[in-house]
Amino acid sequence: MDEKDRMQRVIGLEAIKSKAEELIDQGKEPFEVQTFVSAARGELARQKPDWQQYASALKASQKAQNTF
């Protein structure tokens, strides 16, 4: 992932954090806030995927499968 994409991901994560804090201040239930955060992070991952992290996770899962 290049610097520009990584910076955009950081900005996106900061926006998610700010919105979650705003929801908490509005008195939303913790479950609602967690649901929002999970959905927003998932959407961010679809828009700005980190292929290095994906490759690392894939390698780890293949290694785990080979141990059985």
C-alpha atoms as a PDB file:
ATOM      1  CA  MET A   1       0.000   0.000   0.000  1.00  0.00           C
ATOM      2  CA  ASP A   2       1.488   3.315  -0.995  1.00  0.00           C
ATOM      3  CA  GLU A   3       1.706   6.377   1.241  1.00  0.00           C
ATOM      4  CA  LYS A   4      -1.259   8.158  -0.361  1.00  0.00           C
ATOM      5  CA  ASP A   5      -3.620   5.188   0.150  1.00  0.00           C
ATOM      6  CA  ARG A   6      -2.353   4.617   3.688  1.00  0.00           C
ATOM      7  CA  MET A   7      -2.956   8.286   4.554  1.00  0.00           C
ATOM      8  CA  GLN A   8      -6.471   8.111   3.127  1.00  0.00           C
ATOM      9  CA  ARG A   9      -7.148   5.014   5.271  1.00  0.00           C
ATOM     10  CA  VAL A  10      -5.931   6.870   8.359  1.00  0.00           C
ATOM     11  CA  ILE A  11      -8.198   9.804   7.540  1.00  0.00           C
ATOM     12  CA  GLY A  12     -11.103   7.388   7.081  1.00  0.00           C
ATOM     13  CA  LEU A  13     -10.406   5.690  10.409  1.00  0.00           C
ATOM     14  CA  GLU A  14     -10.253   9.069  12.151  1.00  0.00           C
ATOM     15  CA  ALA A  15     -13.624   9.994  10.605  1.00  0.00           C
ATOM     16  CA  ILE A  16     -15.114   6.715  11.853  1.00  0.00           C
ATOM     17  CA  LYS A  17     -13.745   7.421  15.336  1.00  0.00           C
ATOM     18  CA  SER A  18     -15.206  10.937  15.350  1.00  0.00           C
ATOM     19  CA  LYS A  19     -18.622   9.707  14.233  1.00  0.00           C
ATOM     20  CA  ALA A  20     -18.580   6.927  16.871  1.00  0.00           C
ATOM     21  CA  GLU A  21     -17.771   9.466  19.584  1.00  0.00           C
ATOM     22  CA  GLU A  22     -20.598  11.649  18.298  1.00  0.00           C
ATOM     23  CA  LEU A  23     -23.013   8.700  18.498  1.00  0.00           C
ATOM     24  CA  ILE A  24     -21.913   8.018  22.084  1.00  0.00           C
ATOM     25  CA  ASP A  25     -22.486  11.674  22.983  1.00  0.00           C
ATOM     26  CA  GLN A  26     -25.991  11.426  21.500  1.00  0.00           C
ATOM     27  CA  GLY A  27     -26.707   8.572  23.909  1.00  0.00           C
ATOM     28  CA  LYS A  28     -26.792   5.712  21.432  1.00  0.00           C
ATOM     29  CA  GLU A  29     -26.522   2.171  22.776  1.00  0.00           C
ATOM     30  CA  PRO A  30     -23.035   0.598  22.716  1.00  0.00           C
ATOM     31  CA  PHE A  31     -24.344  -2.111  20.388  1.00  0.00           C
ATOM     32  CA  GLU A  32     -25.473   0.513  17.859  1.00  0.00           C
ATOM     33  CA  VAL A  33     -22.090   2.248  18.009  1.00  0.00           C
ATOM     34  CA  GLN A  34     -20.216  -1.046  17.559  1.00  0.00           C
ATOM     35  CA  THR A  35     -22.453  -1.987  14.638  1.00  0.00           C
ATOM     36  CA  PHE A  36     -21.727   1.354  12.987  1.00  0.00           C
ATOM     37  CA  VAL A  37     -17.964   1.008  13.548  1.00  0.00           C
ATOM     38  CA  SER A  38     -17.885  -2.545  12.164  1.00  0.00           C
ATOM     39  CA  ALA A  39     -19.877  -1.607   9.076  1.00  0.00           C
ATOM     40  CA  ALA A  40     -17.850   1.549   8.438  1.00  0.00           C
ATOM     41  CA  ARG A  41     -14.520  -0.289   8.799  1.00  0.00           C
ATOM     42  CA  GLY A  42     -15.767  -2.976   6.428  1.00  0.00           C
ATOM     43  CA  GLU A  43     -16.726  -0.381   3.849  1.00  0.00           C
ATOM     44  CA  LEU A  44     -13.360   1.335   4.241  1.00  0.00           C
ATOM     45  CA  ALA A  45     -11.618  -2.007   3.687  1.00  0.00           C
ATOM     46  CA  ARG A  46     -13.607  -2.511   0.478  1.00  0.00           C
ATOM     47  CA  GLN A  47     -12.785   0.972  -0.786  1.00  0.00           C
ATOM     48  CA  LYS A  48      -9.115   1.042   0.270  1.00  0.00           C
ATOM     49  CA  PRO A  49      -7.933  -2.562   0.671  1.00  0.00           C
ATOM     50  CA  ASP A  50      -4.560  -3.305   2.242  1.00  0.00           C
ATOM     51  CA  TRP A  51      -3.258  -6.085   0.004  1.00  0.00           C
ATOM     52  CA  GLN A  52      -0.131  -6.637   2.096  1.00  0.00           C
ATOM     53  CA  GLN A  53      -2.254  -7.347   5.160  1.00  0.00           C
ATOM     54  CA  TYR A  54      -4.495  -9.625   3.076  1.00  0.00           C
ATOM     55  CA  ALA A  55      -1.506 -11.609   1.795  1.00  0.00           C
ATOM     56  CA  SER A  56      -0.179 -11.976   5.339  1.00  0.00           C
ATOM     57  CA  ALA A  57      -3.540 -13.247   6.611  1.00  0.00           C
ATOM     58  CA  LEU A  58      -3.820 -15.654   3.697  1.00  0.00           C
ATOM     59  CA  LYS A  59      -0.378 -17.063   4.384  1.00  0.00           C
ATOM     60  CA  ALA A  60      -1.204 -17.500   8.086  1.00  0.00           C
ATOM     61  CA  SER A  61      -4.471 -19.302   7.306  1.00  0.00           C
ATOM     62  CA  GLN A  62      -2.742 -21.640   4.851  1.00  0.00           C
ATOM     63  CA  LYS A  63      -0.077 -22.407   7.426  1.00  0.00           C
ATOM     64  CA  ALA A  64      -2.753 -23.167  10.027  1.00  0.00           C
ATOM     65  CA  GLN A  65      -4.599 -25.464   7.596  1.00  0.00           C
ATOM     66  CA  ASN A  66      -1.395 -27.406   6.940  1.00  0.00           C
ATOM     67  CA  THR A  67      -0.977 -28.204  10.639  1.00  0.00           C
ATOM     68  CA  PHE A  68      -4.076 -30.421  10.744  1.00  0.00           C
END
